[in-house]
Amino acid sequence: MPVGATVTITLALAFYTIGVWSERLQGRLKPWHLAMFVLGLAFDTLGTGMMFEFAGGLTRDVHGLTGLLAIVLMFVHAVWAAAVLWRRDEAWLTRFHRFSVVVWFVWLVPYFSPMFFALGA
């Protein structure tokens, strides 16, 4: 895998993790959390594009399929976060972290799956 893709995906992990866990710890969705979600999504999408070029397209394995699912969920997550912030619904502002943590855990599967599968090889 190209070094640029590895660095880009790791930046996505850093931005997304900061956004998700700071939102969880603060107990309230804030605009800067959305900015971290969007940065994580942008870097993940860029890194995934680099990996697609390297692999010749989407791989139909755990890594490829969960990676695609993760990007879709990250997009839905960012759009939903923007809607919650725009509506200023107090209940959703304080409960949004539940969805954030689920999406983050799903995202970890394609991030770590190459390492786990390499151990078995």
PDB file of N, CA and C in Angstrom:
ATOM      1  N   MET A   1       0.854  -1.179   0.000  1.00  0.00           N
ATOM      2  CA  MET A   1       0.000   0.000   0.000  1.00  0.00           C
ATOM      3  C   MET A   1       0.897   1.238   0.000  1.00  0.00           C
ATOM      4  N   PRO A   2       0.512   2.257  -0.761  1.00  0.00           N
ATOM      5  CA  PRO A   2       1.316   3.479  -0.817  1.00  0.00           C
ATOM      6  C   PRO A   2       1.400   4.169   0.548  1.00  0.00           C
ATOM      7  N   VAL A   3       2.561   4.737   0.841  1.00  0.00           N
ATOM      8  CA  VAL A   3       2.769   5.437   2.113  1.00  0.00           C
ATOM      9  C   VAL A   3       1.786   6.605   2.253  1.00  0.00           C
ATOM     10  N   GLY A   4       1.529   7.314   1.155  1.00  0.00           N
ATOM     11  CA  GLY A   4       0.595   8.444   1.200  1.00  0.00           C
ATOM     12  C   GLY A   4      -0.789   8.029   1.667  1.00  0.00           C
ATOM     13  N   ALA A   5      -1.244   6.860   1.215  1.00  0.00           N
ATOM     14  CA  ALA A   5      -2.554   6.358   1.632  1.00  0.00           C
ATOM     15  C   ALA A   5      -2.550   6.025   3.127  1.00  0.00           C
ATOM     16  N   THR A   6      -1.473   5.428   3.583  1.00  0.00           N
ATOM     17  CA  THR A   6      -1.367   5.072   5.009  1.00  0.00           C
ATOM     18  C   THR A   6      -1.402   6.322   5.884  1.00  0.00           C
ATOM     19  N   VAL A   7      -0.647   7.324   5.501  1.00  0.00           N
ATOM     20  CA  VAL A   7      -0.618   8.583   6.261  1.00  0.00           C
ATOM     21  C   VAL A   7      -1.991   9.253   6.236  1.00  0.00           C
ATOM     22  N   THR A   8      -2.619   9.283   5.067  1.00  0.00           N
ATOM     23  CA  THR A   8      -3.916   9.934   4.912  1.00  0.00           C
ATOM     24  C   THR A   8      -4.986   9.238   5.751  1.00  0.00           C
ATOM     25  N   ILE A   9      -5.017   7.917   5.702  1.00  0.00           N
ATOM     26  CA  ILE A   9      -6.000   7.158   6.481  1.00  0.00           C
ATOM     27  C   ILE A   9      -5.739   7.327   7.981  1.00  0.00           C
ATOM     28  N   THR A  10      -4.486   7.396   8.368  1.00  0.00           N
ATOM     29  CA  THR A  10      -4.162   7.603   9.785  1.00  0.00           C
ATOM     30  C   THR A  10      -4.577   9.000  10.242  1.00  0.00           C
ATOM     31  N   LEU A  11      -4.442   9.995   9.382  1.00  0.00           N
ATOM     32  CA  LEU A  11      -4.965  11.333   9.705  1.00  0.00           C
ATOM     33  C   LEU A  11      -6.484  11.289   9.864  1.00  0.00           C
ATOM     34  N   ALA A  12      -7.144  10.506   9.006  1.00  0.00           N
ATOM     35  CA  ALA A  12      -8.593  10.343   9.141  1.00  0.00           C
ATOM     36  C   ALA A  12      -8.932   9.760  10.510  1.00  0.00           C
ATOM     37  N   LEU A  13      -8.185   8.740  10.921  1.00  0.00           N
ATOM     38  CA  LEU A  13      -8.396   8.137  12.240  1.00  0.00           C
ATOM     39  C   LEU A  13      -8.225   9.177  13.342  1.00  0.00           C
ATOM     40  N   ALA A  14      -7.189   9.990  13.244  1.00  0.00           N
ATOM     41  CA  ALA A  14      -6.935  11.000  14.279  1.00  0.00           C
ATOM     42  C   ALA A  14      -8.066  12.021  14.347  1.00  0.00           C
ATOM     43  N   PHE A  15      -8.449  12.592  13.212  1.00  0.00           N
ATOM     44  CA  PHE A  15      -9.521  13.598  13.206  1.00  0.00           C
ATOM     45  C   PHE A  15     -10.838  13.010  13.696  1.00  0.00           C
ATOM     46  N   TYR A  16     -11.189  11.843  13.180  1.00  0.00           N
ATOM     47  CA  TYR A  16     -12.469  11.233  13.536  1.00  0.00           C
ATOM     48  C   TYR A  16     -12.504  10.846  15.016  1.00  0.00           C
ATOM     49  N   THR A  17     -11.410  10.309  15.505  1.00  0.00           N
ATOM     50  CA  THR A  17     -11.338   9.921  16.912  1.00  0.00           C
ATOM     51  C   THR A  17     -11.446  11.143  17.824  1.00  0.00           C
ATOM     52  N   ILE A  18     -10.757  12.204  17.489  1.00  0.00           N
ATOM     53  CA  ILE A  18     -10.851  13.434  18.282  1.00  0.00           C
ATOM     54  C   ILE A  18     -12.287  13.937  18.301  1.00  0.00           C
ATOM     55  N   GLY A  19     -12.928  13.972  17.139  1.00  0.00           N
ATOM     56  CA  GLY A  19     -14.310  14.444  17.066  1.00  0.00           C
ATOM     57  C   GLY A  19     -15.269  13.582  17.869  1.00  0.00           C
ATOM     58  N   VAL A  20     -15.202  12.274  17.659  1.00  0.00           N
ATOM     59  CA  VAL A  20     -16.147  11.361  18.301  1.00  0.00           C
ATOM     60  C   VAL A  20     -15.960  11.328  19.818  1.00  0.00           C
ATOM     61  N   TRP A  21     -14.729  11.163  20.277  1.00  0.00           N
ATOM     62  CA  TRP A  21     -14.525  10.991  21.710  1.00  0.00           C
ATOM     63  C   TRP A  21     -14.583  12.298  22.485  1.00  0.00           C
ATOM     64  N   SER A  22     -14.240  13.406  21.864  1.00  0.00           N
ATOM     65  CA  SER A  22     -14.425  14.676  22.583  1.00  0.00           C
ATOM     66  C   SER A  22     -15.908  14.992  22.699  1.00  0.00           C
ATOM     67  N   GLU A  23     -16.679  14.664  21.660  1.00  0.00           N
ATOM     68  CA  GLU A  23     -18.137  14.837  21.756  1.00  0.00           C
ATOM     69  C   GLU A  23     -18.694  13.955  22.867  1.00  0.00           C
ATOM     70  N   ARG A  24     -18.246  12.724  22.916  1.00  0.00           N
ATOM     71  CA  ARG A  24     -18.718  11.773  23.946  1.00  0.00           C
ATOM     72  C   ARG A  24     -18.363  12.274  25.342  1.00  0.00           C
ATOM     73  N   LEU A  25     -17.131  12.711  25.535  1.00  0.00           N
ATOM     74  CA  LEU A  25     -16.686  13.167  26.854  1.00  0.00           C
ATOM     75  C   LEU A  25     -17.343  14.482  27.273  1.00  0.00           C
ATOM     76  N   GLN A  26     -17.588  15.370  26.303  1.00  0.00           N
ATOM     77  CA  GLN A  26     -18.227  16.648  26.614  1.00  0.00           C
ATOM     78  C   GLN A  26     -19.732  16.501  26.759  1.00  0.00           C
ATOM     79  N   GLY A  27     -20.291  15.415  26.221  1.00  0.00           N
ATOM     80  CA  GLY A  27     -21.707  15.143  26.386  1.00  0.00           C
ATOM     81  C   GLY A  27     -22.627  16.034  25.565  1.00  0.00           C
ATOM     82  N   ARG A  28     -22.077  16.699  24.557  1.00  0.00           N
ATOM     83  CA  ARG A  28     -22.892  17.610  23.737  1.00  0.00           C
ATOM     84  C   ARG A  28     -22.205  17.809  22.391  1.00  0.00           C
ATOM     85  N   LEU A  29     -22.989  17.678  21.321  1.00  0.00           N
ATOM     86  CA  LEU A  29     -22.470  17.911  19.978  1.00  0.00           C
ATOM     87  C   LEU A  29     -22.239  19.405  19.772  1.00  0.00           C
ATOM     88  N   LYS A  30     -21.056  19.741  19.289  1.00  0.00           N
ATOM     89  CA  LYS A  30     -20.694  21.143  19.038  1.00  0.00           C
ATOM     90  C   LYS A  30     -20.203  21.278  17.596  1.00  0.00           C
ATOM     91  N   PRO A  31     -20.236  22.494  17.051  1.00  0.00           N
ATOM     92  CA  PRO A  31     -19.811  22.675  15.653  1.00  0.00           C
ATOM     93  C   PRO A  31     -18.393  22.179  15.358  1.00  0.00           C
ATOM     94  N   TRP A  32     -17.485  22.329  16.300  1.00  0.00           N
ATOM     95  CA  TRP A  32     -16.119  21.877  16.016  1.00  0.00           C
ATOM     96  C   TRP A  32     -16.035  20.359  15.933  1.00  0.00           C
ATOM     97  N   HIS A  33     -16.969  19.645  16.599  1.00  0.00           N
ATOM     98  CA  HIS A  33     -17.013  18.189  16.451  1.00  0.00           C
ATOM     99  C   HIS A  33     -17.379  17.845  15.007  1.00  0.00           C
ATOM    100  N   LEU A  34     -18.365  18.561  14.470  1.00  0.00           N
ATOM    101  CA  LEU A  34     -18.739  18.352  13.074  1.00  0.00           C
ATOM    102  C   LEU A  34     -17.543  18.594  12.155  1.00  0.00           C
ATOM    103  N   ALA A  35     -16.765  19.625  12.433  1.00  0.00           N
ATOM    104  CA  ALA A  35     -15.572  19.903  11.620  1.00  0.00           C
ATOM    105  C   ALA A  35     -14.610  18.716  11.658  1.00  0.00           C
ATOM    106  N   MET A  36     -14.435  18.098  12.812  1.00  0.00           N
ATOM    107  CA  MET A  36     -13.555  16.929  12.920  1.00  0.00           C
ATOM    108  C   MET A  36     -14.137  15.735  12.152  1.00  0.00           C
ATOM    109  N   PHE A  37     -15.476  15.562  12.217  1.00  0.00           N
ATOM    110  CA  PHE A  37     -16.117  14.477  11.466  1.00  0.00           C
ATOM    111  C   PHE A  37     -15.872  14.663   9.966  1.00  0.00           C
ATOM    112  N   VAL A  38     -16.040  15.894   9.498  1.00  0.00           N
ATOM    113  CA  VAL A  38     -15.874  16.174   8.073  1.00  0.00           C
ATOM    114  C   VAL A  38     -14.411  15.995   7.651  1.00  0.00           C
ATOM    115  N   LEU A  39     -13.479  16.446   8.477  1.00  0.00           N
ATOM    116  CA  LEU A  39     -12.057  16.229   8.158  1.00  0.00           C
ATOM    117  C   LEU A  39     -11.736  14.736   8.112  1.00  0.00           C
ATOM    118  N   GLY A  40     -12.258  13.979   9.078  1.00  0.00           N
ATOM    119  CA  GLY A  40     -12.049  12.531   9.076  1.00  0.00           C
ATOM    120  C   GLY A  40     -12.610  11.897   7.816  1.00  0.00           C
ATOM    121  N   LEU A  41     -13.812  12.297   7.431  1.00  0.00           N
ATOM    122  CA  LEU A  41     -14.436  11.781   6.215  1.00  0.00           C
ATOM    123  C   LEU A  41     -13.620  12.155   4.978  1.00  0.00           C
ATOM    124  N   ALA A  42     -13.173  13.399   4.914  1.00  0.00           N
ATOM    125  CA  ALA A  42     -12.403  13.857   3.753  1.00  0.00           C
ATOM    126  C   ALA A  42     -11.088  13.084   3.610  1.00  0.00           C
ATOM    127  N   PHE A  43     -10.360  12.939   4.707  1.00  0.00           N
ATOM    128  CA  PHE A  43      -9.091  12.206   4.641  1.00  0.00           C
ATOM    129  C   PHE A  43      -9.313  10.720   4.375  1.00  0.00           C
ATOM    130  N   ASP A  44     -10.375  10.156   4.925  1.00  0.00           N
ATOM    131  CA  ASP A  44     -10.673   8.752   4.673  1.00  0.00           C
ATOM    132  C   ASP A  44     -11.026   8.533   3.205  1.00  0.00           C
ATOM    133  N   THR A  45     -11.821   9.432   2.655  1.00  0.00           N
ATOM    134  CA  THR A  45     -12.207   9.315   1.249  1.00  0.00           C
ATOM    135  C   THR A  45     -10.987   9.457   0.339  1.00  0.00           C
ATOM    136  N   LEU A  46     -10.135  10.418   0.652  1.00  0.00           N
ATOM    137  CA  LEU A  46      -8.913  10.611  -0.139  1.00  0.00           C
ATOM    138  C   LEU A  46      -8.007   9.373  -0.055  1.00  0.00           C
ATOM    139  N   GLY A  47      -7.782   8.879   1.151  1.00  0.00           N
ATOM    140  CA  GLY A  47      -6.946   7.694   1.329  1.00  0.00           C
ATOM    141  C   GLY A  47      -7.541   6.460   0.677  1.00  0.00           C
ATOM    142  N   THR A  48      -8.852   6.331   0.743  1.00  0.00           N
ATOM    143  CA  THR A  48      -9.516   5.200   0.099  1.00  0.00           C
ATOM    144  C   THR A  48      -9.349   5.279  -1.419  1.00  0.00           C
ATOM    145  N   GLY A  49      -9.441   6.483  -1.961  1.00  0.00           N
ATOM    146  CA  GLY A  49      -9.208   6.655  -3.394  1.00  0.00           C
ATOM    147  C   GLY A  49      -7.804   6.217  -3.794  1.00  0.00           C
ATOM    148  N   MET A  50      -6.828   6.562  -2.958  1.00  0.00           N
ATOM    149  CA  MET A  50      -5.446   6.132  -3.220  1.00  0.00           C
ATOM    150  C   MET A  50      -5.338   4.609  -3.185  1.00  0.00           C
ATOM    151  N   MET A  51      -6.036   4.000  -2.224  1.00  0.00           N
ATOM    152  CA  MET A  51      -5.990   2.537  -2.120  1.00  0.00           C
ATOM    153  C   MET A  51      -6.709   1.878  -3.284  1.00  0.00           C
ATOM    154  N   PHE A  52      -7.812   2.485  -3.758  1.00  0.00           N
ATOM    155  CA  PHE A  52      -8.506   1.951  -4.933  1.00  0.00           C
ATOM    156  C   PHE A  52      -7.557   1.909  -6.124  1.00  0.00           C
ATOM    157  N   GLU A  53      -6.805   2.979  -6.321  1.00  0.00           N
ATOM    158  CA  GLU A  53      -5.847   3.024  -7.433  1.00  0.00           C
ATOM    159  C   GLU A  53      -4.799   1.925  -7.284  1.00  0.00           C
ATOM    160  N   PHE A  54      -4.314   1.750  -6.075  1.00  0.00           N
ATOM    161  CA  PHE A  54      -3.286   0.745  -5.814  1.00  0.00           C
ATOM    162  C   PHE A  54      -3.819  -0.675  -6.037  1.00  0.00           C
ATOM    163  N   ALA A  55      -5.049  -0.933  -5.566  1.00  0.00           N
ATOM    164  CA  ALA A  55      -5.627  -2.278  -5.630  1.00  0.00           C
ATOM    165  C   ALA A  55      -6.366  -2.543  -6.937  1.00  0.00           C
ATOM    166  N   GLY A  56      -6.560  -1.509  -7.749  1.00  0.00           N
ATOM    167  CA  GLY A  56      -7.296  -1.696  -8.997  1.00  0.00           C
ATOM    168  C   GLY A  56      -8.801  -1.684  -8.814  1.00  0.00           C
ATOM    169  N   GLY A  57      -9.281  -1.041  -7.757  1.00  0.00           N
ATOM    170  CA  GLY A  57     -10.722  -0.942  -7.505  1.00  0.00           C
ATOM    171  C   GLY A  57     -11.095  -1.509  -6.153  1.00  0.00           C
ATOM    172  N   LEU A  58     -12.384  -1.604  -5.934  1.00  0.00           N
ATOM    173  CA  LEU A  58     -12.918  -2.114  -4.668  1.00  0.00           C
ATOM    174  C   LEU A  58     -12.649  -3.605  -4.554  1.00  0.00           C
ATOM    175  N   THR A  59     -12.101  -4.006  -3.424  1.00  0.00           N
ATOM    176  CA  THR A  59     -11.906  -5.438  -3.167  1.00  0.00           C
ATOM    177  C   THR A  59     -13.145  -5.964  -2.458  1.00  0.00           C
ATOM    178  N   ARG A  60     -13.579  -7.135  -2.868  1.00  0.00           N
ATOM    179  CA  ARG A  60     -14.789  -7.717  -2.279  1.00  0.00           C
ATOM    180  C   ARG A  60     -14.399  -8.663  -1.139  1.00  0.00           C
ATOM    181  N   ASP A  61     -13.822  -8.064  -0.110  1.00  0.00           N
ATOM    182  CA  ASP A  61     -13.440  -8.804   1.083  1.00  0.00           C
ATOM    183  C   ASP A  61     -13.875  -7.971   2.292  1.00  0.00           C
ATOM    184  N   VAL A  62     -13.554  -8.437   3.485  1.00  0.00           N
ATOM    185  CA  VAL A  62     -13.961  -7.733   4.703  1.00  0.00           C
ATOM    186  C   VAL A  62     -13.465  -6.290   4.683  1.00  0.00           C
ATOM    187  N   HIS A  63     -12.224  -6.101   4.309  1.00  0.00           N
ATOM    188  CA  HIS A  63     -11.645  -4.753   4.312  1.00  0.00           C
ATOM    189  C   HIS A  63     -12.361  -3.828   3.322  1.00  0.00           C
ATOM    190  N   GLY A  64     -12.539  -4.284   2.110  1.00  0.00           N
ATOM    191  CA  GLY A  64     -13.155  -3.451   1.086  1.00  0.00           C
ATOM    192  C   GLY A  64     -14.606  -3.134   1.367  1.00  0.00           C
ATOM    193  N   LEU A  65     -15.383  -4.145   1.749  1.00  0.00           N
ATOM    194  CA  LEU A  65     -16.811  -3.932   1.978  1.00  0.00           C
ATOM    195  C   LEU A  65     -17.092  -3.130   3.247  1.00  0.00           C
ATOM    196  N   THR A  66     -16.356  -3.411   4.320  1.00  0.00           N
ATOM    197  CA  THR A  66     -16.572  -2.608   5.533  1.00  0.00           C
ATOM    198  C   THR A  66     -16.029  -1.194   5.355  1.00  0.00           C
ATOM    199  N   GLY A  67     -14.997  -1.044   4.523  1.00  0.00           N
ATOM    200  CA  GLY A  67     -14.486   0.296   4.226  1.00  0.00           C
ATOM    201  C   GLY A  67     -15.521   1.138   3.503  1.00  0.00           C
ATOM    202  N   LEU A  68     -16.189   0.533   2.530  1.00  0.00           N
ATOM    203  CA  LEU A  68     -17.255   1.234   1.812  1.00  0.00           C
ATOM    204  C   LEU A  68     -18.406   1.570   2.756  1.00  0.00           C
ATOM    205  N   LEU A  69     -18.803   0.603   3.575  1.00  0.00           N
ATOM    206  CA  LEU A  69     -19.859   0.847   4.563  1.00  0.00           C
ATOM    207  C   LEU A  69     -19.469   1.977   5.511  1.00  0.00           C
ATOM    208  N   ALA A  70     -18.218   1.990   5.951  1.00  0.00           N
ATOM    209  CA  ALA A  70     -17.752   3.017   6.882  1.00  0.00           C
ATOM    210  C   ALA A  70     -17.824   4.411   6.263  1.00  0.00           C
ATOM    211  N   ILE A  71     -17.436   4.549   5.003  1.00  0.00           N
ATOM    212  CA  ILE A  71     -17.497   5.867   4.355  1.00  0.00           C
ATOM    213  C   ILE A  71     -18.942   6.331   4.220  1.00  0.00           C
ATOM    214  N   VAL A  72     -19.827   5.425   3.867  1.00  0.00           N
ATOM    215  CA  VAL A  72     -21.248   5.788   3.768  1.00  0.00           C
ATOM    216  C   VAL A  72     -21.771   6.223   5.141  1.00  0.00           C
ATOM    217  N   LEU A  73     -21.445   5.458   6.178  1.00  0.00           N
ATOM    218  CA  LEU A  73     -21.882   5.818   7.528  1.00  0.00           C
ATOM    219  C   LEU A  73     -21.278   7.143   7.989  1.00  0.00           C
ATOM    220  N   MET A  74     -20.017   7.383   7.666  1.00  0.00           N
ATOM    221  CA  MET A  74     -19.384   8.651   8.038  1.00  0.00           C
ATOM    222  C   MET A  74     -20.073   9.822   7.350  1.00  0.00           C
ATOM    223  N   PHE A  75     -20.469   9.636   6.095  1.00  0.00           N
ATOM    224  CA  PHE A  75     -21.188  10.692   5.379  1.00  0.00           C
ATOM    225  C   PHE A  75     -22.545  10.952   6.033  1.00  0.00           C
ATOM    226  N   VAL A  76     -23.296   9.880   6.299  1.00  0.00           N
ATOM    227  CA  VAL A  76     -24.595  10.016   6.970  1.00  0.00           C
ATOM    228  C   VAL A  76     -24.407  10.676   8.331  1.00  0.00           C
ATOM    229  N   HIS A  77     -23.380  10.280   9.051  1.00  0.00           N
ATOM    230  CA  HIS A  77     -23.075  10.819  10.364  1.00  0.00           C
ATOM    231  C   HIS A  77     -22.835  12.326  10.291  1.00  0.00           C
ATOM    232  N   ALA A  78     -22.040  12.770   9.329  1.00  0.00           N
ATOM    233  CA  ALA A  78     -21.738  14.201   9.192  1.00  0.00           C
ATOM    234  C   ALA A  78     -22.990  14.999   8.807  1.00  0.00           C
ATOM    235  N   VAL A  79     -23.774  14.466   7.876  1.00  0.00           N
ATOM    236  CA  VAL A  79     -25.006  15.164   7.467  1.00  0.00           C
ATOM    237  C   VAL A  79     -25.983  15.253   8.629  1.00  0.00           C
ATOM    238  N   TRP A  80     -26.122  14.156   9.360  1.00  0.00           N
ATOM    239  CA  TRP A  80     -27.034  14.142  10.500  1.00  0.00           C
ATOM    240  C   TRP A  80     -26.537  15.096  11.594  1.00  0.00           C
ATOM    241  N   ALA A  81     -25.250  15.123  11.841  1.00  0.00           N
ATOM    242  CA  ALA A  81     -24.689  16.048  12.835  1.00  0.00           C
ATOM    243  C   ALA A  81     -24.980  17.499  12.441  1.00  0.00           C
ATOM    244  N   ALA A  82     -24.829  17.816  11.159  1.00  0.00           N
ATOM    245  CA  ALA A  82     -25.126  19.175  10.682  1.00  0.00           C
ATOM    246  C   ALA A  82     -26.601  19.510  10.909  1.00  0.00           C
ATOM    247  N   ALA A  83     -27.470  18.552  10.635  1.00  0.00           N
ATOM    248  CA  ALA A  83     -28.910  18.782  10.839  1.00  0.00           C
ATOM    249  C   ALA A  83     -29.229  18.985  12.311  1.00  0.00           C
ATOM    250  N   VAL A  84     -28.637  18.192  13.172  1.00  0.00           N
ATOM    251  CA  VAL A  84     -28.871  18.327  14.619  1.00  0.00           C
ATOM    252  C   VAL A  84     -28.392  19.696  15.109  1.00  0.00           C
ATOM    253  N   LEU A  85     -27.216  20.104  14.659  1.00  0.00           N
ATOM    254  CA  LEU A  85     -26.697  21.426  15.053  1.00  0.00           C
ATOM    255  C   LEU A  85     -27.584  22.548  14.524  1.00  0.00           C
ATOM    256  N   TRP A  86     -28.075  22.407  13.308  1.00  0.00           N
ATOM    257  CA  TRP A  86     -28.912  23.434  12.700  1.00  0.00           C
ATOM    258  C   TRP A  86     -30.245  23.553  13.439  1.00  0.00           C
ATOM    259  N   ARG A  87     -30.818  22.404  13.820  1.00  0.00           N
ATOM    260  CA  ARG A  87     -32.119  22.407  14.518  1.00  0.00           C
ATOM    261  C   ARG A  87     -32.015  22.835  15.978  1.00  0.00           C
ATOM    262  N   ARG A  88     -30.840  22.685  16.549  1.00  0.00           N
ATOM    263  CA  ARG A  88     -30.600  23.038  17.956  1.00  0.00           C
ATOM    264  C   ARG A  88     -31.544  22.302  18.926  1.00  0.00           C
ATOM    265  N   ASP A  89     -31.837  21.064  18.615  1.00  0.00           N
ATOM    266  CA  ASP A  89     -32.683  20.227  19.468  1.00  0.00           C
ATOM    267  C   ASP A  89     -31.824  19.724  20.625  1.00  0.00           C
ATOM    268  N   GLU A  90     -32.131  20.188  21.810  1.00  0.00           N
ATOM    269  CA  GLU A  90     -31.310  19.883  22.984  1.00  0.00           C
ATOM    270  C   GLU A  90     -31.181  18.387  23.239  1.00  0.00           C
ATOM    271  N   ALA A  91     -32.259  17.656  23.066  1.00  0.00           N
ATOM    272  CA  ALA A  91     -32.212  16.212  23.302  1.00  0.00           C
ATOM    273  C   ALA A  91     -31.235  15.538  22.346  1.00  0.00           C
ATOM    274  N   TRP A  92     -31.278  15.912  21.074  1.00  0.00           N
ATOM    275  CA  TRP A  92     -30.374  15.303  20.106  1.00  0.00           C
ATOM    276  C   TRP A  92     -28.946  15.786  20.282  1.00  0.00           C
ATOM    277  N   LEU A  93     -28.769  17.024  20.671  1.00  0.00           N
ATOM    278  CA  LEU A  93     -27.417  17.543  20.894  1.00  0.00           C
ATOM    279  C   LEU A  93     -26.689  16.760  21.989  1.00  0.00           C
ATOM    280  N   THR A  94     -27.444  16.309  22.984  1.00  0.00           N
ATOM    281  CA  THR A  94     -26.828  15.588  24.103  1.00  0.00           C
ATOM    282  C   THR A  94     -26.830  14.067  23.931  1.00  0.00           C
ATOM    283  N   ARG A  95     -27.550  13.544  22.937  1.00  0.00           N
ATOM    284  CA  ARG A  95     -27.582  12.099  22.711  1.00  0.00           C
ATOM    285  C   ARG A  95     -26.890  11.666  21.432  1.00  0.00           C
ATOM    286  N   PHE A  96     -26.453  12.606  20.637  1.00  0.00           N
ATOM    287  CA  PHE A  96     -25.888  12.280  19.329  1.00  0.00           C
ATOM    288  C   PHE A  96     -24.665  11.380  19.436  1.00  0.00           C
ATOM    289  N   HIS A  97     -23.925  11.489  20.541  1.00  0.00           N
ATOM    290  CA  HIS A  97     -22.699  10.697  20.711  1.00  0.00           C
ATOM    291  C   HIS A  97     -22.951   9.196  20.611  1.00  0.00           C
ATOM    292  N   ARG A  98     -24.160   8.761  20.889  1.00  0.00           N
ATOM    293  CA  ARG A  98     -24.449   7.321  20.808  1.00  0.00           C
ATOM    294  C   ARG A  98     -24.248   6.808  19.384  1.00  0.00           C
ATOM    295  N   PHE A  99     -24.743   7.561  18.432  1.00  0.00           N
ATOM    296  CA  PHE A  99     -24.563   7.200  17.029  1.00  0.00           C
ATOM    297  C   PHE A  99     -23.103   7.360  16.625  1.00  0.00           C
ATOM    298  N   SER A 100     -22.462   8.419  17.107  1.00  0.00           N
ATOM    299  CA  SER A 100     -21.068   8.691  16.763  1.00  0.00           C
ATOM    300  C   SER A 100     -20.160   7.526  17.130  1.00  0.00           C
ATOM    301  N   VAL A 101     -20.332   6.997  18.317  1.00  0.00           N
ATOM    302  CA  VAL A 101     -19.472   5.908  18.790  1.00  0.00           C
ATOM    303  C   VAL A 101     -19.696   4.640  17.962  1.00  0.00           C
ATOM    304  N   VAL A 102     -20.933   4.363  17.584  1.00  0.00           N
ATOM    305  CA  VAL A 102     -21.224   3.193  16.743  1.00  0.00           C
ATOM    306  C   VAL A 102     -20.516   3.325  15.395  1.00  0.00           C
ATOM    307  N   VAL A 103     -20.642   4.500  14.767  1.00  0.00           N
ATOM    308  CA  VAL A 103     -19.989   4.717  13.468  1.00  0.00           C
ATOM    309  C   VAL A 103     -18.474   4.587  13.611  1.00  0.00           C
ATOM    310  N   TRP A 104     -17.926   5.113  14.687  1.00  0.00           N
ATOM    311  CA  TRP A 104     -16.484   5.042  14.917  1.00  0.00           C
ATOM    312  C   TRP A 104     -16.022   3.584  15.016  1.00  0.00           C
ATOM    313  N   PHE A 105     -16.780   2.765  15.774  1.00  0.00           N
ATOM    314  CA  PHE A 105     -16.416   1.351  15.905  1.00  0.00           C
ATOM    315  C   PHE A 105     -16.494   0.627  14.563  1.00  0.00           C
ATOM    316  N   VAL A 106     -17.520   0.917  13.766  1.00  0.00           N
ATOM    317  CA  VAL A 106     -17.616   0.307  12.434  1.00  0.00           C
ATOM    318  C   VAL A 106     -16.407   0.718  11.601  1.00  0.00           C
ATOM    319  N   TRP A 107     -16.002   1.988  11.711  1.00  0.00           N
ATOM    320  CA  TRP A 107     -14.867   2.506  10.946  1.00  0.00           C
ATOM    321  C   TRP A 107     -13.565   1.795  11.314  1.00  0.00           C
ATOM    322  N   LEU A 108     -13.452   1.370  12.555  1.00  0.00           N
ATOM    323  CA  LEU A 108     -12.226   0.690  12.984  1.00  0.00           C
ATOM    324  C   LEU A 108     -12.015  -0.658  12.297  1.00  0.00           C
ATOM    325  N   VAL A 109     -13.082  -1.317  11.876  1.00  0.00           N
ATOM    326  CA  VAL A 109     -12.944  -2.636  11.230  1.00  0.00           C
ATOM    327  C   VAL A 109     -12.076  -2.548   9.981  1.00  0.00           C
ATOM    328  N   PRO A 110     -12.396  -1.663   9.015  1.00  0.00           N
ATOM    329  CA  PRO A 110     -11.504  -1.611   7.847  1.00  0.00           C
ATOM    330  C   PRO A 110     -10.139  -1.001   8.155  1.00  0.00           C
ATOM    331  N   TYR A 111     -10.050  -0.195   9.198  1.00  0.00           N
ATOM    332  CA  TYR A 111      -8.740   0.366   9.540  1.00  0.00           C
ATOM    333  C   TYR A 111      -7.796  -0.733  10.030  1.00  0.00           C
ATOM    334  N   PHE A 112      -8.298  -1.584  10.922  1.00  0.00           N
ATOM    335  CA  PHE A 112      -7.435  -2.598  11.524  1.00  0.00           C
ATOM    336  C   PHE A 112      -7.452  -3.955  10.809  1.00  0.00           C
ATOM    337  N   SER A 113      -8.415  -4.212   9.940  1.00  0.00           N
ATOM    338  CA  SER A 113      -8.516  -5.545   9.310  1.00  0.00           C
ATOM    339  C   SER A 113      -7.256  -5.956   8.541  1.00  0.00           C
ATOM    340  N   PRO A 114      -6.583  -5.058   7.815  1.00  0.00           N
ATOM    341  CA  PRO A 114      -5.354  -5.517   7.137  1.00  0.00           C
ATOM    342  C   PRO A 114      -4.295  -6.042   8.111  1.00  0.00           C
ATOM    343  N   MET A 115      -4.231  -5.442   9.294  1.00  0.00           N
ATOM    344  CA  MET A 115      -3.260  -5.901  10.281  1.00  0.00           C
ATOM    345  C   MET A 115      -3.601  -7.298  10.796  1.00  0.00           C
ATOM    346  N   PHE A 116      -4.899  -7.509  11.058  1.00  0.00           N
ATOM    347  CA  PHE A 116      -5.317  -8.821  11.564  1.00  0.00           C
ATOM    348  C   PHE A 116      -5.147  -9.907  10.513  1.00  0.00           C
ATOM    349  N   PHE A 117      -5.497  -9.600   9.272  1.00  0.00           N
ATOM    350  CA  PHE A 117      -5.363 -10.603   8.225  1.00  0.00           C
ATOM    351  C   PHE A 117      -3.900 -10.871   7.896  1.00  0.00           C
ATOM    352  N   ALA A 118      -3.035  -9.893   8.057  1.00  0.00           N
ATOM    353  CA  ALA A 118      -1.604 -10.086   7.828  1.00  0.00           C
ATOM    354  C   ALA A 118      -1.008 -11.013   8.895  1.00  0.00           C
ATOM    355  N   LEU A 119      -1.557 -10.968  10.103  1.00  0.00           N
ATOM    356  CA  LEU A 119      -1.074 -11.853  11.171  1.00  0.00           C
ATOM    357  C   LEU A 119      -1.352 -13.298  10.850  1.00  0.00           C
ATOM    358  N   GLY A 120      -2.476 -13.552  10.167  1.00  0.00           N
ATOM    359  CA  GLY A 120      -2.843 -14.920   9.837  1.00  0.00           C
ATOM    360  C   GLY A 120      -2.142 -15.458   8.606  1.00  0.00           C
ATOM    361  N   ALA A 121      -1.494 -14.590   7.878  1.00  0.00           N
ATOM    362  CA  ALA A 121      -0.870 -15.027   6.612  1.00  0.00           C
ATOM    363  C   ALA A 121       0.503 -15.640   6.837  1.00  0.00           C
TER     364      ALA A 121
END
